[in-house]
Amino acid sequence: MGYNDMLTLELIEMTQEKAIYGYHPEDKDEHGILSVNIHTGEVDVVKIAESDRHKRYLSHAISKIAQLSHSGTYEKKVTVAWC
């Protein structure tokens, strides 16, 4: 089974309050930025990637970050792929 779309999440910064991730549509250099409160799981959009006009990648990035937050595991780099 092949995947049509993907993004890469990279942990930019981790503090006692939040984890900040860059999301890279199609693993490009250009990226958006998301922040998650590690105590509440609330995800904030800091910056939407320029190429993500329809916010398709953003929604998948938010979903994955919510999963990471729920598990309490903040990986340094994650690939998310979907059909």
N, C-alpha and C. Protein backbone atom coordinates (compact mmCIF):
# COMPACT_ATOMS: atom_id res chain seq x y z
N MET A 1 0.85 -1.17 0.00
CA MET A 1 0.00 0.00 0.00
C MET A 1 0.89 1.23 0.00
N GLY A 2 0.67 2.14 -0.94
CA GLY A 2 1.47 3.34 -1.03
C GLY A 2 0.79 4.52 -0.38
N TYR A 3 1.59 5.48 -0.02
CA TYR A 3 1.06 6.70 0.60
C TYR A 3 1.15 7.83 -0.41
N ASN A 4 0.14 8.68 -0.42
CA ASN A 4 0.11 9.80 -1.35
C ASN A 4 0.66 11.08 -0.75
N ASP A 5 0.50 11.24 0.56
CA ASP A 5 0.92 12.47 1.21
C ASP A 5 1.65 12.15 2.50
N MET A 6 2.54 13.05 2.89
CA MET A 6 3.28 12.86 4.14
C MET A 6 3.78 14.19 4.66
N LEU A 7 4.11 14.16 5.94
CA LEU A 7 4.76 15.31 6.56
C LEU A 7 5.74 14.80 7.59
N THR A 8 6.67 15.64 7.94
CA THR A 8 7.64 15.33 8.98
C THR A 8 7.45 16.33 10.11
N LEU A 9 7.40 15.81 11.33
CA LEU A 9 7.36 16.65 12.53
C LEU A 9 8.73 16.62 13.16
N GLU A 10 9.26 17.77 13.50
CA GLU A 10 10.56 17.84 14.18
C GLU A 10 10.42 18.68 15.44
N LEU A 11 10.88 18.11 16.55
CA LEU A 11 10.86 18.82 17.82
C LEU A 11 11.88 19.96 17.77
N ILE A 12 11.40 21.19 17.92
CA ILE A 12 12.26 22.37 17.88
C ILE A 12 12.74 22.72 19.28
N GLU A 13 11.81 22.66 20.25
CA GLU A 13 12.14 23.05 21.62
C GLU A 13 11.22 22.32 22.59
N MET A 14 11.77 21.95 23.74
CA MET A 14 11.01 21.30 24.80
C MET A 14 11.30 22.04 26.09
N THR A 15 10.24 22.53 26.75
CA THR A 15 10.40 23.20 28.04
C THR A 15 9.55 22.45 29.07
N GLN A 16 9.51 22.94 30.27
CA GLN A 16 8.68 22.32 31.30
C GLN A 16 7.20 22.55 31.04
N GLU A 17 6.88 23.49 30.17
CA GLU A 17 5.48 23.84 29.88
C GLU A 17 4.98 23.35 28.53
N LYS A 18 5.87 23.34 27.52
CA LYS A 18 5.40 23.04 26.18
C LYS A 18 6.45 22.36 25.32
N ALA A 19 5.95 21.72 24.27
CA ALA A 19 6.79 21.16 23.21
C ALA A 19 6.45 21.93 21.94
N ILE A 20 7.47 22.37 21.23
CA ILE A 20 7.27 23.12 20.00
C ILE A 20 7.79 22.28 18.84
N TYR A 21 6.91 22.06 17.86
CA TYR A 21 7.25 21.25 16.70
C TYR A 21 7.15 22.06 15.42
N GLY A 22 8.06 21.78 14.50
CA GLY A 22 7.94 22.25 13.13
C GLY A 22 7.31 21.13 12.33
N TYR A 23 6.37 21.47 11.45
CA TYR A 23 5.82 20.45 10.55
C TYR A 23 6.20 20.81 9.12
N HIS A 24 6.73 19.81 8.41
CA HIS A 24 7.27 20.00 7.07
C HIS A 24 6.43 19.22 6.06
N PRO A 25 5.53 19.89 5.32
CA PRO A 25 4.75 19.19 4.29
C PRO A 25 5.69 18.57 3.25
N GLU A 26 5.46 17.30 2.97
CA GLU A 26 6.26 16.57 1.97
C GLU A 26 7.76 16.64 2.27
N ASP A 27 8.11 16.81 3.55
CA ASP A 27 9.50 16.84 4.02
C ASP A 27 10.32 17.97 3.39
N LYS A 28 9.65 19.06 3.02
CA LYS A 28 10.34 20.22 2.45
C LYS A 28 10.96 21.06 3.56
N ASP A 29 11.88 21.96 3.17
CA ASP A 29 12.51 22.84 4.15
C ASP A 29 11.51 23.80 4.76
N GLU A 30 10.59 24.31 3.95
CA GLU A 30 9.57 25.26 4.39
C GLU A 30 8.66 24.55 5.40
N HIS A 31 8.29 25.24 6.49
CA HIS A 31 7.54 24.55 7.54
C HIS A 31 6.59 25.47 8.29
N GLY A 32 5.69 24.85 9.02
CA GLY A 32 4.82 25.54 9.96
C GLY A 32 5.27 25.19 11.36
N ILE A 33 4.68 25.85 12.36
CA ILE A 33 5.08 25.62 13.75
C ILE A 33 3.85 25.43 14.62
N LEU A 34 3.90 24.41 15.47
CA LEU A 34 2.85 24.10 16.43
C LEU A 34 3.44 24.00 17.82
N SER A 35 2.66 24.37 18.80
CA SER A 35 3.07 24.29 20.20
C SER A 35 2.02 23.49 20.96
N VAL A 36 2.46 22.58 21.83
CA VAL A 36 1.52 21.81 22.65
C VAL A 36 1.86 22.00 24.12
N ASN A 37 0.85 22.32 24.91
CA ASN A 37 1.01 22.43 26.36
C ASN A 37 1.12 21.01 26.90
N ILE A 38 2.23 20.67 27.53
CA ILE A 38 2.44 19.28 27.96
C ILE A 38 1.59 18.91 29.17
N HIS A 39 0.97 19.88 29.82
CA HIS A 39 0.11 19.59 30.97
C HIS A 39 -1.35 19.40 30.56
N THR A 40 -1.80 20.18 29.58
CA THR A 40 -3.21 20.14 29.18
C THR A 40 -3.44 19.43 27.85
N GLY A 41 -2.40 19.33 27.03
CA GLY A 41 -2.55 18.73 25.70
C GLY A 41 -3.08 19.71 24.65
N GLU A 42 -3.30 20.96 25.04
CA GLU A 42 -3.82 21.96 24.10
C GLU A 42 -2.76 22.29 23.05
N VAL A 43 -3.17 22.21 21.79
CA VAL A 43 -2.27 22.50 20.68
C VAL A 43 -2.59 23.87 20.11
N ASP A 44 -1.56 24.71 19.97
CA ASP A 44 -1.70 26.04 19.38
C ASP A 44 -0.94 26.11 18.07
N VAL A 45 -1.55 26.75 17.08
CA VAL A 45 -0.89 26.97 15.80
C VAL A 45 -0.12 28.27 15.90
N VAL A 46 1.19 28.18 15.75
CA VAL A 46 2.06 29.36 15.79
C VAL A 46 2.21 29.93 14.39
N LYS A 47 2.40 29.02 13.41
CA LYS A 47 2.60 29.44 12.02
C LYS A 47 2.14 28.31 11.10
N ILE A 48 1.37 28.66 10.08
CA ILE A 48 0.95 27.69 9.08
C ILE A 48 1.97 27.69 7.94
N ALA A 49 2.36 26.51 7.50
CA ALA A 49 3.31 26.40 6.39
C ALA A 49 2.73 27.08 5.15
N GLU A 50 3.55 27.84 4.44
CA GLU A 50 3.08 28.59 3.27
C GLU A 50 2.44 27.71 2.22
N SER A 51 2.97 26.52 2.00
CA SER A 51 2.44 25.63 0.96
C SER A 51 1.18 24.89 1.42
N ASP A 52 0.77 25.08 2.66
CA ASP A 52 -0.38 24.36 3.23
C ASP A 52 -1.63 25.24 3.19
N ARG A 53 -1.97 25.72 2.00
CA ARG A 53 -3.08 26.67 1.84
C ARG A 53 -4.42 26.12 2.34
N HIS A 54 -4.64 24.83 2.19
CA HIS A 54 -5.91 24.23 2.59
C HIS A 54 -5.85 23.60 3.99
N LYS A 55 -4.72 23.76 4.64
CA LYS A 55 -4.49 23.28 6.02
C LYS A 55 -4.64 21.76 6.15
N ARG A 56 -4.43 21.06 5.05
CA ARG A 56 -4.52 19.60 5.06
C ARG A 56 -3.38 19.00 5.89
N TYR A 57 -2.18 19.49 5.71
CA TYR A 57 -1.05 18.98 6.48
C TYR A 57 -1.16 19.39 7.94
N LEU A 58 -1.63 20.61 8.16
CA LEU A 58 -1.81 21.11 9.51
C LEU A 58 -2.71 20.18 10.33
N SER A 59 -3.82 19.75 9.76
CA SER A 59 -4.75 18.89 10.52
C SER A 59 -4.11 17.56 10.89
N HIS A 60 -3.31 16.99 9.99
CA HIS A 60 -2.61 15.74 10.30
C HIS A 60 -1.51 15.97 11.35
N ALA A 61 -0.84 17.11 11.28
CA ALA A 61 0.20 17.44 12.26
C ALA A 61 -0.42 17.60 13.65
N ILE A 62 -1.54 18.31 13.73
CA ILE A 62 -2.22 18.50 15.01
C ILE A 62 -2.65 17.16 15.59
N SER A 63 -3.21 16.30 14.76
CA SER A 63 -3.66 14.98 15.21
C SER A 63 -2.50 14.17 15.80
N LYS A 64 -1.37 14.16 15.11
CA LYS A 64 -0.22 13.39 15.59
C LYS A 64 0.34 13.99 16.87
N ILE A 65 0.42 15.31 16.96
CA ILE A 65 0.94 15.95 18.17
C ILE A 65 0.01 15.66 19.35
N ALA A 66 -1.29 15.63 19.10
CA ALA A 66 -2.25 15.29 20.16
C ALA A 66 -2.01 13.86 20.64
N GLN A 67 -1.71 12.94 19.72
CA GLN A 67 -1.39 11.55 20.10
C GLN A 67 -0.13 11.51 20.95
N LEU A 68 0.90 12.24 20.53
CA LEU A 68 2.16 12.26 21.28
C LEU A 68 1.92 12.81 22.68
N SER A 69 1.14 13.87 22.77
CA SER A 69 0.85 14.50 24.06
C SER A 69 0.09 13.53 24.97
N HIS A 70 -0.89 12.85 24.40
CA HIS A 70 -1.69 11.90 25.18
C HIS A 70 -0.81 10.76 25.73
N SER A 71 0.17 10.33 24.95
CA SER A 71 1.05 9.25 25.38
C SER A 71 2.16 9.75 26.30
N GLY A 72 2.40 11.08 26.31
CA GLY A 72 3.47 11.64 27.13
C GLY A 72 4.85 11.44 26.54
N THR A 73 4.89 11.04 25.28
CA THR A 73 6.16 10.80 24.59
C THR A 73 6.32 11.82 23.47
N TYR A 74 7.36 12.62 23.55
CA TYR A 74 7.60 13.66 22.56
C TYR A 74 8.84 13.28 21.75
N GLU A 75 8.60 12.64 20.63
CA GLU A 75 9.69 12.17 19.78
C GLU A 75 10.37 13.35 19.08
N LYS A 76 11.67 13.16 18.79
CA LYS A 76 12.43 14.23 18.15
C LYS A 76 12.04 14.41 16.69
N LYS A 77 11.74 13.31 16.01
CA LYS A 77 11.38 13.37 14.59
C LYS A 77 10.38 12.27 14.30
N VAL A 78 9.28 12.63 13.62
CA VAL A 78 8.22 11.68 13.31
C VAL A 78 7.76 11.92 11.88
N THR A 79 7.53 10.84 11.15
CA THR A 79 6.95 10.93 9.83
C THR A 79 5.50 10.49 9.90
N VAL A 80 4.60 11.27 9.29
CA VAL A 80 3.19 10.96 9.24
C VAL A 80 2.81 10.84 7.78
N ALA A 81 2.24 9.69 7.40
CA ALA A 81 1.85 9.45 6.01
C ALA A 81 0.40 8.98 5.95
N TRP A 82 -0.29 9.36 4.88
CA TRP A 82 -1.69 8.97 4.72
C TRP A 82 -2.01 8.88 3.22
N CYS A 83 -3.13 8.22 2.94
CA CYS A 83 -3.59 8.04 1.55
C CYS A 83 -4.64 9.07 1.21
